Amino acid sequence: MSFYSRLILAFFPTDLVRAVLVPAVLTTAVLTFAPAAFAERTSADDESHIDDPRVQHRSYVFKPTGETLPYAIFVPSSYDPNGTESLPLLVSLHGLGRSYDWLMGYHGLLDQAEESGYAVVTPLGYIREGWYGSRPAEDPQDGIYSEQDVMNVLELVRDELRIDSDRIFLWGHSMGGGGTIHLAAKHPEVFAALGVAAPAPAISAPMDELLDKIAHLPIFILQGDQDELVPVFATRTWVAGMAARGMQHLYVEIEGGDHSLLISQDANNMQKFIDFFNIVGHKQ
């Protein structure tokens, strides 16, 4: 069965979800996010908001600055530290201004990760508004540190747990979606597949260059057509670029969907990401 046939079988249409075919040429996207500004680290950057016994809150010393940075991890109960089986990993990137563990509270994520046997890690990205290096900042070091923090946390998890190097998946919401595209383009050999919800790449992002670098990676895109922060035509433009390259991609547009609740408060839409990664399975 082909890749797309498996996707069609996995994603049954509902009255709220429709797969959208987009034309090859669309208006250039104009996002409503302001350019990233300089942001000093504050105590708020280290705050956590998820009080769930399944979530482990960790920290490590960030060598470039000597600061202690937080991250959170979920390990499925099926994992045996003394066993031999390796885990797939979801590297999960939060949105603008959110806490490092915010995505751990998305409806359904931990239950679905438990059921499918995924470890989940949520890095901070150095500061809450670091953009993971995907946008220019007044202090360029913020973006560099933001990107480096994600990759450091990934290595920490790989050192601690038996992670299957062929099943490391990267996904993010909003700022985290922009970061997902950026980091995958910088490290295309690391990830097996990508997922983005209402992705917010910079207006100035070199779309063609970035897509060329990740053209081999399957990607799932979720977007609400009533999103007031990331206009739907912006995401459609990127999807059109994926289609032009023959990328393995699935775009689901939610009728009436907003910017946040369509993923943070909707377990059915969260499940679509898990299903997509399950179908991809491992590096192509």
Protein backbone atom coordinates (compact mmCIF):
# COMPACT_ATOMS: atom_id res chain seq x y z
CA MET A 1 0.00 0.00 0.00
CA SER A 2 1.34 3.44 -0.93
CA PHE A 3 2.27 6.15 1.58
CA TYR A 4 -0.72 8.30 0.58
CA SER A 5 -3.11 5.33 0.62
CA ARG A 6 -2.14 4.63 4.22
CA LEU A 7 -2.67 8.28 5.11
CA ILE A 8 -6.15 8.31 3.56
CA LEU A 9 -7.12 5.22 5.52
CA ALA A 10 -5.80 6.73 8.74
CA PHE A 11 -7.52 10.12 8.42
CA PHE A 12 -11.25 9.67 7.92
CA PRO A 13 -12.95 12.96 6.99
CA THR A 14 -15.40 14.52 9.44
CA ASP A 15 -17.79 17.44 9.21
CA LEU A 16 -15.11 19.67 10.75
CA VAL A 17 -11.99 18.46 8.95
CA ARG A 18 -11.29 18.57 5.26
CA ALA A 19 -8.12 17.85 3.38
CA VAL A 20 -7.45 20.84 1.13
CA LEU A 21 -5.83 20.77 -2.27
CA VAL A 22 -4.11 24.10 -2.86
CA PRO A 23 -3.11 25.77 -6.12
CA ALA A 24 0.55 25.95 -7.00
CA VAL A 25 0.65 29.74 -6.87
CA LEU A 26 -0.73 31.69 -3.92
CA THR A 27 -0.34 35.19 -2.55
CA THR A 28 2.81 35.76 -0.50
CA ALA A 29 2.10 35.28 3.19
CA VAL A 30 2.02 38.24 5.56
CA LEU A 31 2.03 37.07 9.17
CA THR A 32 0.76 39.24 11.99
CA PHE A 33 3.54 38.36 14.44
CA ALA A 34 5.90 41.24 15.16
CA PRO A 35 9.63 40.68 14.63
CA ALA A 36 11.32 39.08 17.59
CA ALA A 37 12.84 41.56 20.03
CA PHE A 38 15.66 41.34 22.51
CA ALA A 39 14.69 39.35 25.58
CA GLU A 40 16.80 38.90 28.69
CA ARG A 41 16.25 35.66 30.58
CA THR A 42 13.97 36.11 33.59
CA SER A 43 12.55 33.84 36.28
CA ALA A 44 9.40 33.50 34.15
CA ASP A 45 11.42 31.60 31.55
CA ASP A 46 11.92 28.78 34.04
CA GLU A 47 8.31 28.54 35.19
CA SER A 48 6.38 25.32 34.66
CA HIS A 49 2.61 25.00 34.32
CA ILE A 50 1.94 21.28 34.02
CA ASP A 51 1.34 19.39 37.25
CA ASP A 52 1.03 15.83 36.01
CA PRO A 53 2.86 12.96 37.74
CA ARG A 54 3.69 11.48 34.34
CA VAL A 55 5.79 14.54 33.45
CA GLN A 56 9.33 14.72 34.78
CA HIS A 57 10.76 18.22 35.13
CA ARG A 58 14.50 18.34 34.56
CA SER A 59 17.27 20.90 34.15
CA TYR A 60 20.86 21.09 32.99
CA VAL A 61 23.69 23.62 32.91
CA PHE A 62 23.85 25.49 29.60
CA LYS A 63 27.60 25.73 29.08
CA PRO A 64 27.76 28.91 26.95
CA THR A 65 26.29 30.99 29.81
CA GLY A 66 26.51 28.77 32.89
CA GLU A 67 22.75 29.14 33.40
CA THR A 68 20.50 26.29 34.44
CA LEU A 69 17.81 25.63 31.81
CA PRO A 70 14.67 23.53 32.34
CA TYR A 71 13.06 20.90 30.16
CA ALA A 72 10.34 18.29 30.65
CA ILE A 73 10.15 14.65 29.64
CA PHE A 74 7.51 11.94 29.48
CA VAL A 75 8.51 8.27 29.36
CA PRO A 76 5.87 5.64 28.52
CA SER A 77 5.25 3.01 31.20
CA SER A 78 6.20 0.26 28.74
CA TYR A 79 9.83 1.38 28.79
CA ASP A 80 12.18 -0.96 30.64
CA PRO A 81 15.44 0.78 31.63
CA ASN A 82 17.11 -2.62 31.76
CA GLY A 83 15.62 -3.88 28.53
CA THR A 84 16.76 -3.70 24.93
CA GLU A 85 13.86 -2.08 23.08
CA SER A 86 14.38 1.51 21.88
CA LEU A 87 11.79 4.28 22.08
CA PRO A 88 10.55 6.65 19.39
CA LEU A 89 10.83 10.27 20.51
CA LEU A 90 8.62 13.32 19.98
CA VAL A 91 10.62 16.54 20.26
CA SER A 92 7.89 19.10 20.92
CA LEU A 93 8.30 22.87 20.54
CA HIS A 94 6.00 25.32 22.32
CA GLY A 95 4.46 28.53 21.01
CA LEU A 96 5.39 32.15 21.65
CA GLY A 97 5.51 33.08 25.34
CA ARG A 98 4.51 29.63 26.58
CA SER A 99 6.31 27.71 29.30
CA TYR A 100 8.72 24.94 28.43
CA ASP A 101 6.29 22.20 29.53
CA TRP A 102 3.17 23.77 28.01
CA LEU A 103 2.69 21.17 25.29
CA MET A 104 2.63 18.39 27.87
CA GLY A 105 -0.82 19.71 28.75
CA TYR A 106 -2.25 19.49 25.23
CA HIS A 107 -5.36 17.35 25.35
CA GLY A 108 -4.63 13.75 24.50
CA LEU A 109 -0.88 14.04 23.93
CA LEU A 110 0.37 12.05 26.91
CA ASP A 111 -2.38 9.43 26.69
CA GLN A 112 -1.65 8.96 23.00
CA ALA A 113 2.11 8.86 23.57
CA GLU A 114 1.57 6.24 26.26
CA GLU A 115 -0.60 4.14 23.96
CA SER A 116 1.85 4.31 21.05
CA GLY A 117 4.96 4.00 23.19
CA TYR A 118 6.52 7.42 22.52
CA ALA A 119 8.83 9.37 24.77
CA VAL A 120 8.07 13.11 24.67
CA VAL A 121 10.45 15.96 25.44
CA THR A 122 9.66 19.66 25.62
CA PRO A 123 12.67 22.00 25.64
CA LEU A 124 12.43 25.67 26.53
CA GLY A 125 14.47 27.12 23.68
CA TYR A 126 16.57 29.23 26.11
CA ILE A 127 13.80 31.82 26.56
CA ARG A 128 10.06 31.76 26.00
CA GLU A 129 10.36 33.94 22.90
CA GLY A 130 13.55 32.58 21.38
CA TRP A 131 11.94 31.36 18.15
CA TYR A 132 14.41 28.44 18.10
CA GLY A 133 16.64 30.45 15.78
CA SER A 134 13.97 30.74 13.09
CA ARG A 135 13.65 34.55 13.31
CA PRO A 136 16.15 37.38 13.67
CA ALA A 137 16.40 39.01 17.08
CA GLU A 138 17.81 42.32 18.24
CA ASP A 139 20.43 40.23 20.02
CA PRO A 140 21.29 37.44 17.56
CA GLN A 141 22.63 35.38 20.44
CA ASP A 142 19.08 34.75 21.69
CA GLY A 143 18.23 32.81 18.56
CA ILE A 144 21.52 30.92 18.56
CA TYR A 145 21.03 29.88 22.19
CA SER A 146 17.38 28.98 21.52
CA GLU A 147 18.35 26.58 18.77
CA GLN A 148 21.27 25.19 20.75
CA ASP A 149 19.10 24.49 23.79
CA VAL A 150 16.79 22.27 21.74
CA MET A 151 19.64 20.24 20.31
CA ASN A 152 21.29 19.97 23.74
CA VAL A 153 18.09 18.61 25.29
CA LEU A 154 17.72 16.13 22.46
CA GLU A 155 21.21 14.81 23.20
CA LEU A 156 20.48 14.64 26.94
CA VAL A 157 17.44 12.47 26.28
CA ARG A 158 19.34 10.26 23.87
CA ASP A 159 22.04 9.79 26.50
CA GLU A 160 19.52 8.92 29.22
CA LEU A 161 17.10 6.71 27.32
CA ARG A 162 17.41 4.16 24.55
CA ILE A 163 16.07 6.29 21.70
CA ASP A 164 15.65 4.83 18.22
CA SER A 165 17.71 7.15 16.01
CA ASP A 166 15.46 6.28 13.06
CA ARG A 167 12.31 7.39 14.92
CA ILE A 168 12.99 10.89 16.20
CA PHE A 169 10.08 13.16 15.25
CA LEU A 170 10.01 16.95 15.51
CA TRP A 171 6.80 18.93 15.80
CA GLY A 172 5.67 22.31 17.09
CA HIS A 173 2.81 24.76 17.40
CA SER A 174 2.92 28.35 16.09
CA MET A 175 6.41 29.64 16.97
CA GLY A 176 7.26 25.99 17.49
CA GLY A 177 6.06 25.24 13.97
CA GLY A 178 8.40 27.84 12.54
CA GLY A 179 11.14 26.41 14.73
CA THR A 180 10.38 22.90 13.49
CA ILE A 181 10.97 23.90 9.87
CA HIS A 182 14.11 25.86 10.76
CA LEU A 183 15.69 23.15 12.91
CA ALA A 184 14.85 20.39 10.47
CA ALA A 185 16.51 22.39 7.69
CA LYS A 186 19.60 22.86 9.88
CA HIS A 187 19.69 19.21 10.97
CA PRO A 188 17.87 17.27 8.22
CA GLU A 189 19.70 14.03 9.02
CA VAL A 190 18.34 13.84 12.59
CA PHE A 191 14.59 13.60 12.13
CA ALA A 192 12.32 10.97 10.61
CA ALA A 193 9.32 13.25 10.03
CA LEU A 194 7.89 16.62 10.99
CA GLY A 195 4.61 18.07 12.21
CA VAL A 196 3.46 21.69 12.41
CA ALA A 197 0.27 23.26 13.78
CA ALA A 198 -0.44 26.84 12.66
CA PRO A 199 3.25 27.27 11.79
CA ALA A 200 4.71 30.77 12.07
CA PRO A 201 7.91 31.03 10.03
CA ALA A 202 9.28 34.53 9.57
CA ILE A 203 7.95 36.62 6.70
CA SER A 204 11.54 36.84 5.50
CA ALA A 205 12.13 33.09 5.76
CA PRO A 206 13.62 31.71 2.52
CA MET A 207 10.79 29.27 1.85
CA ASP A 208 12.28 27.65 -1.24
CA GLU A 209 15.67 27.14 0.40
CA LEU A 210 14.16 25.69 3.55
CA LEU A 211 11.80 23.34 1.72
CA ASP A 212 14.62 22.11 -0.50
CA LYS A 213 16.54 21.10 2.63
CA ILE A 214 13.63 19.16 4.14
CA ALA A 215 12.15 17.82 0.90
CA HIS A 216 12.94 14.24 1.93
CA LEU A 217 11.06 14.51 5.22
CA PRO A 218 7.35 13.62 5.48
CA ILE A 219 5.43 16.45 7.14
CA PHE A 220 1.94 16.87 8.61
CA ILE A 221 0.40 20.36 8.63
CA LEU A 222 -2.65 21.39 10.66
CA GLN A 223 -4.22 24.82 10.15
CA GLY A 224 -7.45 26.54 11.13
CA ASP A 225 -9.14 28.64 8.47
CA GLN A 226 -10.18 31.26 11.07
CA ASP A 227 -6.70 31.69 12.55
CA GLU A 228 -6.16 35.40 13.20
CA LEU A 229 -2.43 35.10 13.97
CA VAL A 230 -1.27 32.82 11.16
CA PRO A 231 -3.56 33.51 8.18
CA VAL A 232 -4.65 30.38 6.38
CA PHE A 233 -3.29 31.62 3.04
CA ALA A 234 0.17 31.85 4.62
CA THR A 235 0.19 28.15 5.45
CA ARG A 236 -1.34 27.28 2.08
CA THR A 237 1.60 29.01 0.42
CA TRP A 238 4.05 26.71 2.19
CA VAL A 239 1.90 23.67 1.41
CA ALA A 240 1.90 24.65 -2.26
CA GLY A 241 5.71 24.72 -2.12
CA MET A 242 5.71 21.23 -0.65
CA ALA A 243 3.38 19.96 -3.36
CA ALA A 244 5.56 21.50 -6.08
CA ARG A 245 8.51 19.49 -4.77
CA GLY A 246 6.57 16.25 -4.54
CA MET A 247 7.11 16.14 -0.79
CA GLN A 248 5.29 13.52 1.24
CA HIS A 249 2.92 15.79 3.10
CA LEU A 250 -0.58 15.86 4.49
CA TYR A 251 -2.42 19.15 4.98
CA VAL A 252 -5.55 19.23 7.10
CA GLU A 253 -7.45 22.50 7.31
CA ILE A 254 -9.99 22.86 10.11
CA GLU A 255 -13.15 24.71 9.15
CA GLY A 256 -13.76 27.36 11.82
CA GLY A 257 -10.46 26.46 13.51
CA ASP A 258 -8.59 29.13 15.47
CA HIS A 259 -4.90 29.53 16.25
CA SER A 260 -4.64 27.73 19.58
CA LEU A 261 -7.62 25.68 20.70
CA LEU A 262 -7.74 23.59 17.52
CA ILE A 263 -4.70 21.70 18.81
CA SER A 264 -4.23 22.50 22.50
CA GLN A 265 -7.80 21.57 23.47
CA ASP A 266 -8.67 18.98 20.81
CA ALA A 267 -7.46 15.44 21.40
CA ASN A 268 -8.76 14.33 18.00
CA ASN A 269 -6.49 16.78 16.22
CA MET A 270 -3.57 15.87 18.47
CA GLN A 271 -4.16 12.25 17.52
CA LYS A 272 -3.62 13.13 13.87
CA PHE A 273 0.01 13.96 14.61
CA ILE A 274 0.56 10.67 16.44
CA ASP A 275 -1.17 8.73 13.65
CA PHE A 276 0.97 10.45 11.04
CA PHE A 277 4.19 9.60 12.85
CA ASN A 278 2.99 6.02 13.35
CA ILE A 279 2.38 5.71 9.62
CA VAL A 280 5.76 7.15 8.68
CA GLY A 281 7.33 4.77 11.15
CA HIS A 282 11.00 5.59 10.66
CA LYS A 283 13.42 7.46 8.45
CA GLN A 284 12.64 7.01 4.76
